[in-house]
Amino acid sequence: MSNNYWDEEDEDDTTITGNETENDLQKKLRKKIRADEKRIKELEEKLGTFTKIDKERTVKEVLEKQGVNAKAARLILKDLDDVNEESVNNWLEENGELFGYSPAEASPANSEENRAAIRKQDNLTAGAITPDRAEDMEMRIDQAQSTEELQRILYSQ
């Protein structure tokens, strides 16, 4: 396939000078129309190829995200005309059981159980002794001069 969409010898023939007869003009216009039709056909073929590649890539990306075998792409591409992430996900929800796919059920992000677990973690970690606090406590215990001072240090923790 060449990048030139006209014949070198026809280049001078299609120039309209004003001295042509009607028959010559018709011939030149027909040549121009044939060249344009050829160019349109080539561009449509390229567009079809790029569209097909884009559809395949989109389906494969969605299947990878969902953890589905890539062989399912053939079925999806046969069934769907308009391929985008949403349409592929919808197709998987409807037909996923054919190859063992089941959509993950959406769980509420902040359910009461989750909140309770987070509160428990916060309570445990809030009173935890970090290495800095442990070193500080050891130093204060070592420097305590009396039992009252030692008891005060221990009760404060």
N, C-alpha and C. Protein backbone atom coordinates (compact mmCIF):
# COMPACT_ATOMS: atom_id res chain seq x y z
N MET A 1 0.86 -1.17 0.00
CA MET A 1 0.00 0.00 0.00
C MET A 1 0.90 1.23 0.00
N SER A 2 0.70 2.10 -0.93
CA SER A 2 1.54 3.28 -1.02
C SER A 2 0.85 4.46 -0.36
N ASN A 3 1.65 5.47 -0.10
CA ASN A 3 1.10 6.68 0.51
C ASN A 3 0.57 7.64 -0.54
N ASN A 4 0.92 7.41 -1.80
CA ASN A 4 0.41 8.26 -2.88
C ASN A 4 -0.91 7.69 -3.33
N TYR A 5 -1.91 8.54 -3.40
CA TYR A 5 -3.24 8.08 -3.76
C TYR A 5 -3.65 8.58 -5.14
N TRP A 6 -2.64 8.82 -5.94
CA TRP A 6 -2.90 9.20 -7.32
C TRP A 6 -1.76 8.64 -8.16
N ASP A 7 -2.02 8.49 -9.38
CA ASP A 7 -0.98 8.01 -10.29
C ASP A 7 -0.18 9.21 -10.76
N GLU A 8 1.13 9.03 -10.84
CA GLU A 8 2.01 10.13 -11.25
C GLU A 8 1.64 10.64 -12.64
N GLU A 9 1.32 9.72 -13.54
CA GLU A 9 1.00 10.13 -14.90
C GLU A 9 -0.34 10.84 -15.00
N ASP A 10 -1.25 10.55 -14.03
CA ASP A 10 -2.57 11.18 -14.07
C ASP A 10 -2.58 12.57 -13.43
N GLU A 11 -1.51 12.90 -12.75
CA GLU A 11 -1.49 14.17 -12.02
C GLU A 11 -1.71 15.36 -12.94
N ASP A 12 -1.05 15.37 -14.08
CA ASP A 12 -1.20 16.49 -15.01
C ASP A 12 -2.52 16.42 -15.76
N ASP A 13 -3.05 15.23 -15.93
CA ASP A 13 -4.28 15.07 -16.70
C ASP A 13 -5.50 15.59 -15.96
N THR A 14 -5.48 15.61 -14.62
CA THR A 14 -6.66 16.02 -13.87
C THR A 14 -6.71 17.52 -13.63
N THR A 15 -5.71 18.24 -14.04
CA THR A 15 -5.72 19.68 -13.89
C THR A 15 -6.61 20.30 -14.95
N ILE A 16 -7.51 21.11 -14.49
CA ILE A 16 -8.46 21.74 -15.41
C ILE A 16 -7.88 23.08 -15.83
N THR A 17 -7.67 23.23 -17.13
CA THR A 17 -7.04 24.46 -17.64
C THR A 17 -8.06 25.43 -18.22
N GLY A 18 -9.22 24.94 -18.56
CA GLY A 18 -10.24 25.80 -19.16
C GLY A 18 -10.38 25.57 -20.64
N ASN A 19 -9.43 24.88 -21.25
CA ASN A 19 -9.47 24.61 -22.68
C ASN A 19 -10.08 23.25 -23.00
N GLU A 20 -10.50 22.48 -21.97
CA GLU A 20 -11.01 21.14 -22.19
C GLU A 20 -12.44 21.18 -22.71
N THR A 21 -12.76 20.12 -23.40
CA THR A 21 -14.15 19.95 -23.82
C THR A 21 -14.91 19.29 -22.68
N GLU A 22 -16.21 19.21 -22.84
CA GLU A 22 -17.02 18.57 -21.80
C GLU A 22 -16.62 17.13 -21.61
N ASN A 23 -16.31 16.46 -22.68
CA ASN A 23 -15.92 15.05 -22.61
C ASN A 23 -14.62 14.88 -21.81
N ASP A 24 -13.67 15.78 -22.03
CA ASP A 24 -12.41 15.72 -21.28
C ASP A 24 -12.64 15.97 -19.80
N LEU A 25 -13.50 16.90 -19.49
CA LEU A 25 -13.81 17.19 -18.09
C LEU A 25 -14.47 15.99 -17.42
N GLN A 26 -15.35 15.35 -18.12
CA GLN A 26 -16.01 14.17 -17.55
C GLN A 26 -15.00 13.06 -17.28
N LYS A 27 -14.08 12.86 -18.19
CA LYS A 27 -13.05 11.84 -17.99
C LYS A 27 -12.20 12.15 -16.76
N LYS A 28 -11.82 13.42 -16.63
CA LYS A 28 -10.99 13.82 -15.49
C LYS A 28 -11.76 13.67 -14.17
N LEU A 29 -13.03 14.02 -14.19
CA LEU A 29 -13.84 13.88 -12.98
C LEU A 29 -14.02 12.41 -12.61
N ARG A 30 -14.21 11.57 -13.61
CA ARG A 30 -14.36 10.13 -13.33
C ARG A 30 -13.08 9.56 -12.72
N LYS A 31 -11.93 9.99 -13.26
CA LYS A 31 -10.64 9.54 -12.69
C LYS A 31 -10.52 10.00 -11.24
N LYS A 32 -10.90 11.22 -10.99
CA LYS A 32 -10.83 11.77 -9.64
C LYS A 32 -11.77 11.01 -8.70
N ILE A 33 -12.96 10.70 -9.16
CA ILE A 33 -13.93 9.96 -8.35
C ILE A 33 -13.40 8.57 -8.04
N ARG A 34 -12.81 7.89 -9.04
CA ARG A 34 -12.25 6.55 -8.81
C ARG A 34 -11.12 6.60 -7.78
N ALA A 35 -10.27 7.61 -7.87
CA ALA A 35 -9.16 7.75 -6.91
C ALA A 35 -9.71 8.01 -5.50
N ASP A 36 -10.73 8.85 -5.42
CA ASP A 36 -11.33 9.14 -4.11
C ASP A 36 -12.00 7.90 -3.52
N GLU A 37 -12.70 7.14 -4.38
CA GLU A 37 -13.36 5.92 -3.90
C GLU A 37 -12.32 4.91 -3.40
N LYS A 38 -11.21 4.81 -4.10
CA LYS A 38 -10.14 3.90 -3.68
C LYS A 38 -9.59 4.34 -2.33
N ARG A 39 -9.37 5.62 -2.17
CA ARG A 39 -8.84 6.16 -0.90
C ARG A 39 -9.85 5.92 0.23
N ILE A 40 -11.12 6.12 -0.03
CA ILE A 40 -12.16 5.90 0.98
C ILE A 40 -12.18 4.43 1.41
N LYS A 41 -12.07 3.54 0.44
CA LYS A 41 -12.07 2.11 0.74
C LYS A 41 -10.89 1.74 1.63
N GLU A 42 -9.70 2.26 1.31
CA GLU A 42 -8.51 1.98 2.12
C GLU A 42 -8.68 2.50 3.55
N LEU A 43 -9.22 3.71 3.68
CA LEU A 43 -9.41 4.29 5.01
C LEU A 43 -10.46 3.52 5.81
N GLU A 44 -11.51 3.05 5.16
CA GLU A 44 -12.52 2.25 5.85
C GLU A 44 -11.93 0.94 6.35
N GLU A 45 -11.06 0.32 5.55
CA GLU A 45 -10.40 -0.91 5.97
C GLU A 45 -9.52 -0.66 7.20
N LYS A 46 -8.77 0.44 7.18
CA LYS A 46 -7.92 0.78 8.33
C LYS A 46 -8.76 1.04 9.57
N LEU A 47 -9.85 1.77 9.40
CA LEU A 47 -10.73 2.06 10.52
C LEU A 47 -11.30 0.78 11.10
N GLY A 48 -11.72 -0.12 10.24
CA GLY A 48 -12.25 -1.41 10.70
C GLY A 48 -11.21 -2.19 11.50
N THR A 49 -9.98 -2.18 11.04
CA THR A 49 -8.90 -2.87 11.75
C THR A 49 -8.66 -2.25 13.12
N PHE A 50 -8.58 -0.93 13.17
CA PHE A 50 -8.34 -0.25 14.44
C PHE A 50 -9.50 -0.44 15.41
N THR A 51 -10.71 -0.43 14.90
CA THR A 51 -11.89 -0.64 15.74
C THR A 51 -11.87 -2.03 16.35
N LYS A 52 -11.53 -3.02 15.55
CA LYS A 52 -11.47 -4.40 16.02
C LYS A 52 -10.40 -4.54 17.11
N ILE A 53 -9.24 -3.96 16.88
CA ILE A 53 -8.15 -4.03 17.86
C ILE A 53 -8.56 -3.35 19.16
N ASP A 54 -9.22 -2.20 19.06
CA ASP A 54 -9.66 -1.47 20.25
C ASP A 54 -10.68 -2.28 21.05
N LYS A 55 -11.62 -2.91 20.35
CA LYS A 55 -12.62 -3.74 21.04
C LYS A 55 -11.95 -4.89 21.77
N GLU A 56 -11.03 -5.57 21.11
CA GLU A 56 -10.33 -6.71 21.72
C GLU A 56 -9.56 -6.25 22.96
N ARG A 57 -8.88 -5.12 22.85
CA ARG A 57 -8.09 -4.61 23.98
C ARG A 57 -8.99 -4.27 25.15
N THR A 58 -10.12 -3.63 24.89
CA THR A 58 -11.05 -3.26 25.95
C THR A 58 -11.57 -4.50 26.67
N VAL A 59 -11.97 -5.51 25.90
CA VAL A 59 -12.51 -6.74 26.50
C VAL A 59 -11.44 -7.43 27.33
N LYS A 60 -10.23 -7.52 26.82
CA LYS A 60 -9.15 -8.19 27.56
C LYS A 60 -8.83 -7.45 28.86
N GLU A 61 -8.83 -6.13 28.84
CA GLU A 61 -8.56 -5.35 30.05
C GLU A 61 -9.63 -5.62 31.11
N VAL A 62 -10.88 -5.62 30.71
CA VAL A 62 -11.97 -5.85 31.66
C VAL A 62 -11.89 -7.27 32.22
N LEU A 63 -11.60 -8.23 31.36
CA LEU A 63 -11.50 -9.61 31.82
C LEU A 63 -10.35 -9.79 32.81
N GLU A 64 -9.23 -9.11 32.56
CA GLU A 64 -8.10 -9.17 33.50
C GLU A 64 -8.49 -8.57 34.84
N LYS A 65 -9.19 -7.43 34.82
CA LYS A 65 -9.62 -6.80 36.07
C LYS A 65 -10.53 -7.71 36.87
N GLN A 66 -11.41 -8.42 36.17
CA GLN A 66 -12.39 -9.27 36.84
C GLN A 66 -11.83 -10.65 37.16
N GLY A 67 -10.63 -10.95 36.68
CA GLY A 67 -10.03 -12.25 36.94
C GLY A 67 -10.67 -13.37 36.15
N VAL A 68 -11.10 -13.07 34.95
CA VAL A 68 -11.79 -14.05 34.10
C VAL A 68 -10.82 -14.53 33.03
N ASN A 69 -10.96 -15.80 32.64
CA ASN A 69 -10.12 -16.38 31.60
C ASN A 69 -10.28 -15.57 30.31
N ALA A 70 -9.17 -15.28 29.66
CA ALA A 70 -9.17 -14.44 28.47
C ALA A 70 -9.87 -15.10 27.28
N LYS A 71 -10.09 -16.40 27.34
CA LYS A 71 -10.77 -17.08 26.24
C LYS A 71 -12.23 -16.66 26.13
N ALA A 72 -12.77 -16.10 27.18
CA ALA A 72 -14.16 -15.63 27.15
C ALA A 72 -14.31 -14.44 26.22
N ALA A 73 -13.22 -13.82 25.84
CA ALA A 73 -13.27 -12.64 24.97
C ALA A 73 -13.94 -12.97 23.63
N ARG A 74 -13.72 -14.17 23.13
CA ARG A 74 -14.33 -14.54 21.85
C ARG A 74 -15.85 -14.51 21.94
N LEU A 75 -16.39 -15.03 23.03
CA LEU A 75 -17.84 -15.02 23.20
C LEU A 75 -18.38 -13.60 23.31
N ILE A 76 -17.68 -12.81 24.08
CA ILE A 76 -18.12 -11.43 24.31
C ILE A 76 -18.10 -10.64 23.02
N LEU A 77 -17.03 -10.78 22.25
CA LEU A 77 -16.90 -10.02 21.00
C LEU A 77 -17.97 -10.43 19.99
N LYS A 78 -18.41 -11.69 20.02
CA LYS A 78 -19.47 -12.13 19.11
C LYS A 78 -20.82 -11.55 19.51
N ASP A 79 -21.04 -11.41 20.83
CA ASP A 79 -22.35 -10.97 21.33
C ASP A 79 -22.52 -9.45 21.32
N LEU A 80 -21.47 -8.72 21.54
CA LEU A 80 -21.59 -7.27 21.72
C LEU A 80 -21.17 -6.51 20.46
N ASP A 81 -21.98 -5.55 20.09
CA ASP A 81 -21.62 -4.65 18.99
C ASP A 81 -20.89 -3.43 19.52
N ASP A 82 -21.44 -2.85 20.58
CA ASP A 82 -20.84 -1.68 21.22
C ASP A 82 -20.04 -2.16 22.43
N VAL A 83 -18.72 -2.15 22.32
CA VAL A 83 -17.87 -2.68 23.38
C VAL A 83 -17.28 -1.54 24.18
N ASN A 84 -17.62 -1.50 25.47
CA ASN A 84 -16.98 -0.61 26.43
C ASN A 84 -16.96 -1.32 27.77
N GLU A 85 -16.32 -0.73 28.76
CA GLU A 85 -16.16 -1.41 30.04
C GLU A 85 -17.51 -1.77 30.66
N GLU A 86 -18.45 -0.86 30.60
CA GLU A 86 -19.76 -1.10 31.21
C GLU A 86 -20.51 -2.24 30.50
N SER A 87 -20.48 -2.25 29.18
CA SER A 87 -21.20 -3.30 28.45
C SER A 87 -20.57 -4.66 28.69
N VAL A 88 -19.25 -4.72 28.80
CA VAL A 88 -18.58 -6.00 29.07
C VAL A 88 -18.93 -6.48 30.48
N ASN A 89 -18.92 -5.57 31.45
CA ASN A 89 -19.30 -5.95 32.82
C ASN A 89 -20.74 -6.45 32.87
N ASN A 90 -21.64 -5.78 32.16
CA ASN A 90 -23.04 -6.24 32.11
C ASN A 90 -23.14 -7.62 31.48
N TRP A 91 -22.37 -7.85 30.41
CA TRP A 91 -22.39 -9.15 29.76
C TRP A 91 -21.89 -10.22 30.72
N LEU A 92 -20.84 -9.91 31.48
CA LEU A 92 -20.31 -10.87 32.45
C LEU A 92 -21.33 -11.20 33.53
N GLU A 93 -22.07 -10.20 33.99
CA GLU A 93 -23.08 -10.46 35.02
C GLU A 93 -24.18 -11.37 34.48
N GLU A 94 -24.56 -11.17 33.23
CA GLU A 94 -25.64 -11.96 32.64
C GLU A 94 -25.19 -13.36 32.23
N ASN A 95 -23.98 -13.49 31.70
CA ASN A 95 -23.55 -14.75 31.10
C ASN A 95 -22.33 -15.38 31.78
N GLY A 96 -21.89 -14.82 32.88
CA GLY A 96 -20.67 -15.29 33.54
C GLY A 96 -20.74 -16.72 34.02
N GLU A 97 -21.93 -17.20 34.34
CA GLU A 97 -22.05 -18.56 34.86
C GLU A 97 -21.67 -19.60 33.80
N LEU A 98 -21.60 -19.22 32.54
CA LEU A 98 -21.20 -20.15 31.48
C LEU A 98 -19.78 -20.67 31.67
N PHE A 99 -18.93 -19.84 32.26
CA PHE A 99 -17.54 -20.25 32.47
C PHE A 99 -17.09 -20.05 33.90
N GLY A 100 -18.03 -20.08 34.83
CA GLY A 100 -17.70 -20.09 36.25
C GLY A 100 -17.44 -18.75 36.88
N TYR A 101 -17.85 -17.68 36.25
CA TYR A 101 -17.65 -16.34 36.82
C TYR A 101 -18.86 -15.96 37.65
N SER A 102 -18.61 -15.45 38.83
CA SER A 102 -19.70 -14.90 39.63
C SER A 102 -19.26 -13.53 40.12
N PRO A 103 -20.09 -12.53 39.90
CA PRO A 103 -19.70 -11.17 40.28
C PRO A 103 -19.56 -11.05 41.79
N ALA A 104 -18.58 -10.28 42.20
CA ALA A 104 -18.36 -10.03 43.63
C ALA A 104 -19.50 -9.17 44.15
N GLU A 105 -20.08 -9.60 45.25
CA GLU A 105 -21.17 -8.83 45.83
C GLU A 105 -20.60 -7.62 46.55
N ALA A 106 -21.20 -6.51 46.33
CA ALA A 106 -20.74 -5.28 46.96
C ALA A 106 -21.17 -5.28 48.42
N SER A 107 -20.20 -5.13 49.30
CA SER A 107 -20.52 -5.08 50.73
C SER A 107 -20.46 -3.63 51.17
N PRO A 108 -21.31 -3.26 52.10
CA PRO A 108 -21.28 -1.87 52.56
C PRO A 108 -19.95 -1.56 53.22
N ALA A 109 -19.40 -0.43 52.86
CA ALA A 109 -18.06 -0.08 53.33
C ALA A 109 -18.03 0.21 54.83
N ASN A 110 -19.07 0.80 55.34
CA ASN A 110 -19.08 1.19 56.75
C ASN A 110 -20.22 0.51 57.50
N SER A 111 -20.24 -0.79 57.46
CA SER A 111 -21.28 -1.49 58.18
C SER A 111 -21.01 -1.38 59.69
N GLU A 112 -22.00 -1.70 60.48
CA GLU A 112 -21.86 -1.60 61.94
C GLU A 112 -20.78 -2.54 62.45
N GLU A 113 -20.66 -3.72 61.86
CA GLU A 113 -19.62 -4.66 62.29
C GLU A 113 -18.24 -4.07 62.05
N ASN A 114 -18.06 -3.45 60.89
CA ASN A 114 -16.76 -2.83 60.59
C ASN A 114 -16.47 -1.69 61.56
N ARG A 115 -17.46 -0.90 61.84
CA ARG A 115 -17.25 0.22 62.76
C ARG A 115 -16.88 -0.27 64.15
N ALA A 116 -17.56 -1.33 64.61
CA ALA A 116 -17.26 -1.88 65.93
C ALA A 116 -15.83 -2.41 65.98
N ALA A 117 -15.41 -3.09 64.93
CA ALA A 117 -14.05 -3.62 64.88
C ALA A 117 -13.03 -2.48 64.88
N ILE A 118 -13.31 -1.43 64.17
CA ILE A 118 -12.40 -0.29 64.13
C ILE A 118 -12.31 0.38 65.51
N ARG A 119 -13.45 0.50 66.18
CA ARG A 119 -13.44 1.08 67.54
C ARG A 119 -12.59 0.24 68.48
N LYS A 120 -12.71 -1.08 68.40
CA LYS A 120 -11.91 -1.97 69.25
C LYS A 120 -10.42 -1.78 68.98
N GLN A 121 -10.07 -1.69 67.71
CA GLN A 121 -8.67 -1.47 67.37
C GLN A 121 -8.18 -0.14 67.92
N ASP A 122 -8.99 0.89 67.79
CA ASP A 122 -8.61 2.21 68.31
C ASP A 122 -8.41 2.17 69.82
N ASN A 123 -9.31 1.48 70.53
CA ASN A 123 -9.20 1.39 71.99
C ASN A 123 -7.92 0.66 72.39
N LEU A 124 -7.60 -0.40 71.67
CA LEU A 124 -6.38 -1.16 72.00
C LEU A 124 -5.12 -0.36 71.72
N THR A 125 -5.10 0.30 70.59
CA THR A 125 -3.88 1.01 70.22
C THR A 125 -3.74 2.35 70.94
N ALA A 126 -4.83 2.93 71.41
CA ALA A 126 -4.74 4.22 72.09
C ALA A 126 -3.97 4.10 73.40
N GLY A 127 -4.15 3.02 74.10
CA GLY A 127 -3.46 2.85 75.38
C GLY A 127 -2.19 2.04 75.28
N ALA A 128 -1.81 1.66 74.09
CA ALA A 128 -0.62 0.84 73.91
C ALA A 128 0.64 1.62 74.23
N ILE A 129 1.61 0.89 74.67
CA ILE A 129 2.88 1.51 75.01
C ILE A 129 3.80 1.38 73.81
N THR A 130 4.22 2.51 73.33
CA THR A 130 5.14 2.52 72.20
C THR A 130 6.56 2.45 72.74
N PRO A 131 7.54 2.15 71.92
CA PRO A 131 8.92 2.10 72.40
C PRO A 131 9.37 3.40 73.07
N ASP A 132 8.93 4.53 72.55
CA ASP A 132 9.32 5.81 73.15
C ASP A 132 8.73 5.94 74.55
N ARG A 133 7.48 5.57 74.68
CA ARG A 133 6.83 5.67 76.00
C ARG A 133 7.46 4.69 76.98
N ALA A 134 7.83 3.49 76.50
CA ALA A 134 8.45 2.50 77.37
C ALA A 134 9.80 2.99 77.87
N GLU A 135 10.58 3.57 77.00
CA GLU A 135 11.89 4.11 77.40
C GLU A 135 11.72 5.24 78.42
N ASP A 136 10.74 6.09 78.15
CA ASP A 136 10.47 7.20 79.07
C ASP A 136 10.05 6.68 80.44
N MET A 137 9.19 5.66 80.48
CA MET A 137 8.73 5.10 81.75
C MET A 137 9.89 4.45 82.51
N GLU A 138 10.73 3.71 81.78
CA GLU A 138 11.89 3.08 82.43
C GLU A 138 12.79 4.14 83.06
N MET A 139 13.01 5.21 82.34
CA MET A 139 13.87 6.27 82.84
C MET A 139 13.27 6.91 84.10
N ARG A 140 11.96 7.16 84.06
CA ARG A 140 11.32 7.78 85.23
C ARG A 140 11.31 6.83 86.43
N ILE A 141 11.11 5.51 86.18
CA ILE A 141 11.14 4.54 87.29
C ILE A 141 12.53 4.48 87.89
N ASP A 142 13.54 4.48 87.03
CA ASP A 142 14.92 4.43 87.52
C ASP A 142 15.28 5.68 88.34
N GLN A 143 14.69 6.80 88.00
CA GLN A 143 15.03 8.05 88.69
C GLN A 143 14.12 8.33 89.88
N ALA A 144 13.14 7.46 90.13
CA ALA A 144 12.21 7.69 91.25
C ALA A 144 12.98 7.64 92.56
N GLN A 145 12.69 8.61 93.49
CA GLN A 145 13.39 8.72 94.76
C GLN A 145 12.63 8.08 95.92
N SER A 146 11.31 7.95 95.73
CA SER A 146 10.53 7.39 96.84
C SER A 146 9.46 6.45 96.29
N THR A 147 8.83 5.69 97.20
CA THR A 147 7.77 4.77 96.79
C THR A 147 6.54 5.52 96.31
N GLU A 148 6.25 6.68 96.93
CA GLU A 148 5.11 7.47 96.47
C GLU A 148 5.32 7.93 95.03
N GLU A 149 6.51 8.37 94.74
CA GLU A 149 6.81 8.82 93.39
C GLU A 149 6.72 7.65 92.40
N LEU A 150 7.18 6.47 92.81
CA LEU A 150 7.11 5.28 91.98
C LEU A 150 5.66 4.87 91.73
N GLN A 151 4.83 4.94 92.78
CA GLN A 151 3.41 4.61 92.63
C GLN A 151 2.71 5.60 91.69
N ARG A 152 3.06 6.86 91.82
CA ARG A 152 2.47 7.87 90.95
C ARG A 152 2.82 7.60 89.49
N ILE A 153 4.04 7.21 89.22
CA ILE A 153 4.46 6.89 87.85
C ILE A 153 3.69 5.71 87.32
N LEU A 154 3.56 4.65 88.12
CA LEU A 154 2.88 3.44 87.69
C LEU A 154 1.37 3.69 87.48
N TYR A 155 0.74 4.46 88.35
CA TYR A 155 -0.69 4.72 88.23
C TYR A 155 -1.00 5.65 87.05
N SER A 156 -0.04 6.46 86.69
CA SER A 156 -0.30 7.38 85.58
C SER A 156 -0.34 6.64 84.23
N GLN A 157 0.23 5.47 84.20
CA GLN A 157 0.24 4.70 82.95
C GLN A 157 -0.94 3.78 82.93
